[in-house]
């Protein structure tokens, strides 16, 4: 049998989308596939993964947040005419463009379509017109595809009539569990290079409204009044970077906040840290959260969909309401002040990842989905 031809369409050039492609490059049965990645703009991780694999191709496409004209769809429509067995849309914008482009294309046979619904945005949008529009878009996409993949919001999506339970499956994000003999050496080097002598609090994420770095900075301002030696390291860039730098420059403890921009060695930074903070206002299931938990690091995170599926407050991390910088400060102080608490939560966090969120398990499930899609396409061909 010829390799299964798969097209993965990803609109967001950063974060989870890029990590997903990196994971794809590790599929053990990759020789049975030929995967083409249609990507809005190549992030460093993505380009590295595709260049290292003989089975992944990379094609840039235009997937703007607002379609300017029909030409935005022409490139994607032309790609669809290459006759893929499976098309996998990662994220709502990718699926919105993709399902529309599919209607305009003329492939020889209809592919099996998968939609990874990162989040319904129930935490992002209060009840009202914006939430109703978001749900309506997801409902229409789900109607157009063969399978919907979620890592949060499944129960709510089915209850609200957005997803058909019989065509919806849960696929948790997964990460590699690091070996501590390797990370300990790198962690010590990172701390020396950054001149970290006290408690190191880490943030890794895009400087965007969703990730809410300003709330974290407000929390750290409170924390450093009690623990002036505590140091915050922030990794990432984005539209709020200027606002973040301005906030830090005006802070009394600006020398205790390091803004590193985007870094490829975030795994080493996680190993060097004492705790990770994820202050997001809404999420799917962030990879960086799982990375930190796998590395036995305690986390302070917001009580939003996706995160709540992995973090149990007081058992393997601490949860606070999004936007509540005072509660976030208290949680950080609790962890900074107790090595015993950090150790207990960190051990439980690692066990949670080992049991539920390993990359190998995610890739096995993904392999099943792609194989099943190919089989369905072949069966339809025989019937016709």
Protein backbone atom coordinates (compact mmCIF):
# COMPACT_ATOMS: atom_id res chain seq x y z
CA UNK A 1 0.00 0.00 0.00
CA UNK A 2 1.26 3.48 -0.82
CA UNK A 3 1.95 5.91 2.07
CA UNK A 4 -1.09 7.61 3.54
CA UNK A 5 -1.08 11.22 2.33
CA UNK A 6 -1.96 13.62 5.14
CA UNK A 7 -2.37 17.39 5.07
CA UNK A 8 -2.11 19.23 8.38
CA UNK A 9 -3.40 22.83 8.29
CA UNK A 10 -2.25 25.10 11.13
CA UNK A 11 -3.05 28.82 11.36
CA UNK A 12 -1.09 29.81 14.47
CA UNK A 13 2.68 29.97 13.84
CA UNK A 14 3.55 29.73 17.53
CA UNK A 15 2.89 27.66 20.60
CA UNK A 16 0.85 24.47 20.48
CA UNK A 17 0.58 24.30 16.70
CA UNK A 18 4.35 24.19 16.26
CA UNK A 19 4.73 21.69 19.11
CA UNK A 20 2.16 19.46 17.46
CA UNK A 21 4.20 19.31 14.25
CA UNK A 22 7.35 18.56 16.24
CA UNK A 23 5.51 15.62 17.82
CA UNK A 24 4.37 14.43 14.38
CA UNK A 25 7.97 14.11 13.30
CA UNK A 26 8.46 11.48 16.03
CA UNK A 27 5.68 9.08 14.97
CA UNK A 28 7.32 5.64 14.83
CA UNK A 29 5.20 4.58 11.87
CA UNK A 30 5.98 7.81 10.00
CA UNK A 31 7.32 5.85 7.04
CA UNK A 32 3.74 4.78 6.36
CA UNK A 33 2.72 8.42 5.96
CA UNK A 34 3.62 11.40 3.88
CA UNK A 35 2.61 14.51 5.76
CA UNK A 36 2.32 17.99 4.27
CA UNK A 37 2.06 20.90 6.69
CA UNK A 38 0.24 24.00 5.44
CA UNK A 39 1.29 26.70 7.86
CA UNK A 40 0.58 30.42 8.06
CA UNK A 41 4.13 31.31 9.06
CA UNK A 42 6.90 28.94 10.08
CA UNK A 43 7.94 29.10 13.70
CA UNK A 44 11.49 27.98 14.53
CA UNK A 45 10.39 24.65 16.03
CA UNK A 46 8.22 23.87 13.04
CA UNK A 47 10.89 24.53 10.44
CA UNK A 48 13.43 22.50 12.42
CA UNK A 49 11.05 19.52 12.63
CA UNK A 50 10.12 19.52 8.96
CA UNK A 51 13.73 19.85 7.81
CA UNK A 52 14.81 16.90 9.94
CA UNK A 53 12.12 14.56 8.63
CA UNK A 54 12.00 12.80 5.27
CA UNK A 55 8.23 12.45 5.59
CA UNK A 56 7.14 16.04 6.27
CA UNK A 57 6.84 18.84 3.73
CA UNK A 58 6.23 22.47 4.56
CA UNK A 59 4.05 24.77 2.45
CA UNK A 60 3.39 28.41 3.49
CA UNK A 61 -0.19 29.59 3.01
CA UNK A 62 -2.08 32.79 3.77
CA UNK A 63 -4.49 32.34 6.68
CA UNK A 64 -5.08 35.88 8.01
CA UNK A 65 -7.44 36.54 10.90
CA UNK A 66 -9.80 38.32 8.50
CA UNK A 67 -10.04 37.11 4.91
CA UNK A 68 -9.12 40.01 2.64
CA UNK A 69 -10.37 38.48 -0.61
CA UNK A 70 -10.73 35.22 -2.46
CA UNK A 71 -6.98 35.08 -3.13
CA UNK A 72 -6.42 34.14 0.54
CA UNK A 73 -8.13 30.82 -0.23
CA UNK A 74 -6.60 30.12 -3.63
CA UNK A 75 -3.36 28.69 -2.29
CA UNK A 76 -5.13 26.36 0.12
CA UNK A 77 -7.65 25.28 -2.51
CA UNK A 78 -4.83 24.38 -4.91
CA UNK A 79 -3.17 22.29 -2.19
CA UNK A 80 -6.40 20.40 -1.53
CA UNK A 81 -6.49 19.31 -5.17
CA UNK A 82 -3.43 17.14 -4.51
CA UNK A 83 -5.70 14.31 -3.35
CA UNK A 84 -4.89 13.69 0.32
CA UNK A 85 -6.35 10.75 2.21
CA UNK A 86 -6.66 12.75 5.45
CA UNK A 87 -6.87 16.50 6.12
CA UNK A 88 -6.33 17.59 9.71
CA UNK A 89 -7.26 21.14 10.73
CA UNK A 90 -5.57 22.30 13.94
CA UNK A 91 -7.53 25.20 15.44
CA UNK A 92 -10.70 27.05 14.51
CA UNK A 93 -9.21 29.46 11.98
CA UNK A 94 -7.47 26.65 10.10
CA UNK A 95 -10.73 24.67 9.99
CA UNK A 96 -12.79 27.68 8.93
CA UNK A 97 -10.51 28.37 5.97
CA UNK A 98 -10.02 24.68 5.28
CA UNK A 99 -13.64 23.57 5.14
CA UNK A 100 -14.48 26.50 2.87
CA UNK A 101 -11.50 25.76 0.62
CA UNK A 102 -12.57 22.11 0.46
CA UNK A 103 -15.91 23.18 -1.04
CA UNK A 104 -14.03 25.15 -3.72
CA UNK A 105 -11.53 22.42 -4.56
CA UNK A 106 -12.05 19.43 -6.82
CA UNK A 107 -10.04 16.47 -5.50
CA UNK A 108 -10.47 13.10 -7.22
CA UNK A 109 -11.77 11.61 -3.98
CA UNK A 110 -13.14 13.14 -0.79
CA UNK A 111 -10.59 13.03 2.05
CA UNK A 112 -11.29 12.18 5.67
CA UNK A 113 -11.41 15.49 7.56
CA UNK A 114 -10.37 15.91 11.21
CA UNK A 115 -10.87 19.09 13.24
CA UNK A 116 -8.80 19.66 16.39
CA UNK A 117 -10.96 22.09 18.35
CA UNK A 118 -8.41 23.69 20.68
CA UNK A 119 -11.02 25.52 22.77
CA UNK A 120 -14.62 26.67 22.47
CA UNK A 121 -13.67 29.93 24.17
CA UNK A 122 -16.12 29.51 27.04
CA UNK A 123 -13.60 31.14 29.39
CA UNK A 124 -12.76 33.83 26.86
CA UNK A 125 -16.28 34.98 26.02
CA UNK A 126 -19.07 35.59 28.56
CA UNK A 127 -22.61 34.65 27.47
CA UNK A 128 -23.61 36.96 24.63
CA UNK A 129 -23.18 37.61 20.92
CA UNK A 130 -19.45 36.81 20.67
CA UNK A 131 -19.83 33.49 22.45
CA UNK A 132 -22.86 32.61 20.33
CA UNK A 133 -20.90 33.37 17.16
CA UNK A 134 -17.94 31.29 18.33
CA UNK A 135 -20.21 28.35 19.10
CA UNK A 136 -22.04 28.71 15.78
CA UNK A 137 -18.74 28.65 13.87
CA UNK A 138 -17.62 25.51 15.70
CA UNK A 139 -21.01 23.89 15.17
CA UNK A 140 -20.79 24.46 11.41
CA UNK A 141 -17.18 23.23 11.21
CA UNK A 142 -18.11 20.10 13.17
CA UNK A 143 -20.94 19.45 10.72
CA UNK A 144 -18.53 19.61 7.76
CA UNK A 145 -15.84 17.25 9.06
CA UNK A 146 -15.74 13.52 9.79
CA UNK A 147 -14.15 13.67 13.25
CA UNK A 148 -13.73 16.33 15.94
CA UNK A 149 -10.77 16.02 18.31
CA UNK A 150 -10.82 17.89 21.62
CA UNK A 151 -8.60 18.07 24.68
CA UNK A 152 -11.12 20.08 26.72
CA UNK A 153 -14.72 21.26 26.40
CA UNK A 154 -16.01 17.91 25.12
CA UNK A 155 -18.84 17.56 27.63
CA UNK A 156 -19.86 21.19 27.27
CA UNK A 157 -19.60 21.04 23.49
CA UNK A 158 -21.85 17.99 23.28
CA UNK A 159 -24.30 19.38 25.85
CA UNK A 160 -24.63 22.64 23.93
CA UNK A 161 -25.16 20.86 20.63
CA UNK A 162 -21.88 22.04 19.10
CA UNK A 163 -20.37 18.58 18.70
CA UNK A 164 -21.94 15.24 17.82
CA UNK A 165 -20.80 12.86 20.56
CA UNK A 166 -20.56 9.92 18.13
CA UNK A 167 -18.03 11.80 15.96
CA UNK A 168 -16.05 13.45 18.76
CA UNK A 169 -13.00 11.99 20.48
CA UNK A 170 -10.66 13.20 23.22
CA UNK A 171 -6.94 13.40 22.47
CA UNK A 172 -4.84 14.90 25.25
CA UNK A 173 -1.64 16.76 24.43
CA UNK A 174 1.41 14.76 25.41
CA UNK A 175 5.03 15.55 26.26
CA UNK A 176 8.26 13.67 26.79
CA UNK A 177 9.18 12.95 30.40
CA UNK A 178 12.76 14.17 30.93
CA UNK A 179 15.54 12.21 32.63
CA UNK A 180 16.93 14.13 35.56
CA UNK A 181 20.58 13.16 35.09
CA UNK A 182 20.63 15.28 31.92
CA UNK A 183 18.48 18.20 33.08
CA UNK A 184 20.27 18.76 36.39
CA UNK A 185 23.53 19.69 34.66
CA UNK A 186 21.77 22.03 32.21
CA UNK A 187 19.73 23.60 35.00
CA UNK A 188 22.84 24.53 36.97
CA UNK A 189 24.37 26.12 33.87
CA UNK A 190 21.23 28.18 33.19
CA UNK A 191 21.12 29.49 36.74
CA UNK A 192 24.79 30.50 36.53
CA UNK A 193 24.29 32.26 33.20
CA UNK A 194 21.25 34.17 34.48
CA UNK A 195 22.91 34.82 37.87
CA UNK A 196 19.95 33.27 39.71
CA UNK A 197 20.63 32.88 43.42
CA UNK A 198 17.17 32.67 44.95
CA UNK A 199 13.76 31.31 44.00
CA UNK A 200 13.25 31.39 40.23
CA UNK A 201 9.69 31.84 38.96
CA UNK A 202 9.26 31.10 35.25
CA UNK A 203 6.77 32.25 32.62
CA UNK A 204 6.89 30.78 29.10
CA UNK A 205 4.38 31.98 26.55
CA UNK A 206 3.39 34.54 23.96
CA UNK A 207 3.10 38.12 25.20
CA UNK A 208 -0.58 38.32 24.27
CA UNK A 209 -3.88 39.08 26.00
CA UNK A 210 -4.66 35.36 26.24
CA UNK A 211 -1.50 34.59 28.21
CA UNK A 212 -2.01 37.67 30.45
CA UNK A 213 1.61 38.46 31.45
CA UNK A 214 0.53 41.76 33.05
CA UNK A 215 -1.45 40.00 35.79
CA UNK A 216 1.64 37.94 36.57
CA UNK A 217 3.78 41.08 36.81
CA UNK A 218 1.27 42.64 39.21
CA UNK A 219 1.41 39.49 41.32
CA UNK A 220 5.21 39.49 41.33
CA UNK A 221 5.24 43.12 42.48
CA UNK A 222 3.32 42.01 45.58
CA UNK A 223 5.47 38.91 46.09
CA UNK A 224 8.75 40.82 45.92
CA UNK A 225 7.64 43.14 48.72
CA UNK A 226 7.85 40.11 51.01
CA UNK A 227 10.54 38.18 49.16
CA UNK A 228 12.79 40.74 47.40
CA UNK A 229 15.25 38.01 46.41
CA UNK A 230 12.70 36.12 44.32
CA UNK A 231 13.40 36.38 40.60
CA UNK A 232 10.99 36.20 37.65
CA UNK A 233 12.21 34.98 34.26
CA UNK A 234 9.86 35.62 31.32
CA UNK A 235 10.30 33.80 27.99
CA UNK A 236 8.33 34.84 24.92
CA UNK A 237 7.43 37.73 22.66
CA UNK A 238 4.31 39.21 21.13
CA UNK A 239 2.10 42.27 20.83
CA UNK A 240 2.24 43.05 24.58
CA UNK A 241 6.02 42.93 24.79
CA UNK A 242 6.37 46.72 24.82
CA UNK A 243 3.76 47.04 27.58
CA UNK A 244 5.51 44.32 29.57
CA UNK A 245 8.89 46.06 29.26
CA UNK A 246 7.38 49.37 30.30
CA UNK A 247 5.77 47.77 33.35
CA UNK A 248 9.07 46.15 34.36
CA UNK A 249 11.07 49.37 33.85
CA UNK A 250 8.78 51.17 36.29
CA UNK A 251 8.91 48.39 38.89
CA UNK A 252 10.81 48.86 42.12
CA UNK A 253 12.44 45.44 41.66
CA UNK A 254 13.08 45.67 37.92
CA UNK A 255 16.50 44.10 38.41
CA UNK A 256 14.76 40.92 39.57
CA UNK A 257 12.75 40.44 36.38
CA UNK A 258 14.53 39.04 33.32
CA UNK A 259 12.87 39.38 29.92
CA UNK A 260 14.56 36.88 27.61
CA UNK A 261 12.38 37.09 24.50
CA UNK A 262 11.78 33.88 22.57
CA UNK A 263 14.17 31.06 23.52
CA UNK A 264 14.56 27.61 22.02
CA UNK A 265 16.01 26.24 25.29
CA UNK A 266 12.82 26.65 27.31
CA UNK A 267 13.12 23.03 28.52
CA UNK A 268 16.45 23.91 30.18
CA UNK A 269 14.86 27.02 31.69
CA UNK A 270 12.06 24.89 33.12
CA UNK A 271 14.64 22.56 34.65
CA UNK A 272 16.41 25.56 36.21
CA UNK A 273 13.25 27.07 37.68
CA UNK A 274 11.64 26.47 41.06
CA UNK A 275 8.08 26.91 39.82
CA UNK A 276 6.12 27.81 36.69
CA UNK A 277 3.23 30.27 36.49
CA UNK A 278 0.57 30.00 33.75
CA UNK A 279 -1.64 33.12 34.12
CA UNK A 280 -3.74 32.55 30.98
CA UNK A 281 -7.28 33.93 30.67
CA UNK A 282 -8.30 31.00 28.47
CA UNK A 283 -6.55 27.87 27.24
CA UNK A 284 -6.79 24.48 25.64
CA UNK A 285 -4.20 22.30 27.37
CA UNK A 286 -0.88 24.19 27.19
CA UNK A 287 2.23 22.18 26.41
CA UNK A 288 4.41 24.28 28.68
CA UNK A 289 2.23 23.36 31.65
CA UNK A 290 2.74 19.67 30.92
CA UNK A 291 6.47 20.23 30.29
CA UNK A 292 6.88 21.75 33.75
CA UNK A 293 4.79 19.05 35.43
CA UNK A 294 6.82 16.34 33.67
CA UNK A 295 9.98 17.99 34.98
CA UNK A 296 8.64 17.72 38.56
CA UNK A 297 8.04 21.45 38.86
CA UNK A 298 5.12 22.83 40.87
CA UNK A 299 2.80 25.11 38.92
CA UNK A 300 0.56 28.06 39.70
CA UNK A 301 -2.07 28.22 36.98
CA UNK A 302 -5.45 29.73 36.29
CA UNK A 303 -8.69 27.84 36.78
CA UNK A 304 -9.72 27.68 33.10
CA UNK A 305 -10.77 24.89 30.73
CA UNK A 306 -7.95 22.61 29.69
CA UNK A 307 -5.73 23.49 32.63
CA UNK A 308 -8.38 22.13 35.01
CA UNK A 309 -8.13 18.78 33.21
CA UNK A 310 -4.50 18.41 34.27
CA UNK A 311 -4.11 20.38 37.51
CA UNK A 312 -5.96 19.51 40.70
CA UNK A 313 -5.70 22.37 43.17
CA UNK A 314 -3.58 21.44 46.18
CA UNK A 315 -2.68 17.99 44.79
CA UNK A 316 -0.35 18.58 41.82
CA UNK A 317 -0.40 22.37 41.58
CA UNK A 318 -2.19 25.50 42.74
CA UNK A 319 -5.11 27.08 40.86
CA UNK A 320 -6.30 30.69 40.99
CA UNK A 321 -9.02 32.58 39.14
CA UNK A 322 -7.85 34.30 35.93
CA UNK A 323 -7.03 37.98 36.34
CA UNK A 324 -6.74 37.75 40.15
CA UNK A 325 -3.20 38.97 40.77
CA UNK A 326 -3.63 38.99 44.56
CA UNK A 327 -4.58 35.30 44.68
CA UNK A 328 -1.75 34.56 42.27
CA UNK A 329 0.69 36.37 44.55
CA UNK A 330 -0.48 34.34 47.56
CA UNK A 331 -0.03 31.08 45.67
CA UNK A 332 3.48 32.04 44.53
CA UNK A 333 4.38 33.03 48.11
CA UNK A 334 3.09 29.70 49.42
CA UNK A 335 5.36 27.80 47.04
CA UNK A 336 8.34 30.12 47.43
CA UNK A 337 8.17 29.74 51.20
CA UNK A 338 8.01 25.94 51.38
CA UNK A 339 10.43 23.55 49.70
CA UNK A 340 8.36 20.69 51.12
CA UNK A 341 5.22 21.95 49.33
CA UNK A 342 7.15 22.44 46.10
CA UNK A 343 8.50 18.90 46.31
CA UNK A 344 5.10 17.33 47.10
CA UNK A 345 3.26 19.10 44.31
CA UNK A 346 6.12 18.52 41.86
CA UNK A 347 6.17 14.76 42.46
CA UNK A 348 2.40 14.53 42.04
CA UNK A 349 2.61 16.65 38.87
CA UNK A 350 5.15 14.32 37.28
CA UNK A 351 3.04 11.28 38.16
CA UNK A 352 0.03 12.94 36.52
CA UNK A 353 1.93 13.38 33.25
CA UNK A 354 3.36 9.86 33.34
CA UNK A 355 -0.11 8.39 33.81
CA UNK A 356 -2.12 10.62 31.47
CA UNK A 357 -0.13 12.97 29.23
CA UNK A 358 2.84 11.18 27.67
CA UNK A 359 3.76 12.05 24.11
CA UNK A 360 3.99 8.40 23.09
CA UNK A 361 0.38 7.77 24.10
CA UNK A 362 -0.77 10.82 22.14
CA UNK A 363 1.09 9.68 19.01
CA UNK A 364 -0.36 6.16 19.23
CA UNK A 365 -3.86 7.59 19.38
CA UNK A 366 -3.09 9.93 16.50
CA UNK A 367 -1.78 6.99 14.47
CA UNK A 368 -5.12 5.25 15.06
CA UNK A 369 -7.05 8.29 13.84
CA UNK A 370 -5.00 8.62 10.65
CA UNK A 371 -5.19 4.90 9.91
CA UNK A 372 -8.94 4.93 10.47
CA UNK A 373 -9.32 7.91 8.15
CA UNK A 374 -7.40 6.17 5.36
CA UNK A 375 -9.50 3.03 5.80
CA UNK A 376 -12.72 5.02 5.54
CA UNK A 377 -11.56 6.72 2.34
CA UNK A 378 -10.61 3.35 0.85
CA UNK A 379 -13.96 1.79 1.82
CA UNK A 380 -15.86 4.64 0.16
CA UNK A 381 -13.81 4.11 -2.99
CA UNK A 382 -14.72 0.41 -3.07
CA UNK A 383 -18.42 1.16 -2.51
CA UNK A 384 -18.47 3.67 -5.36
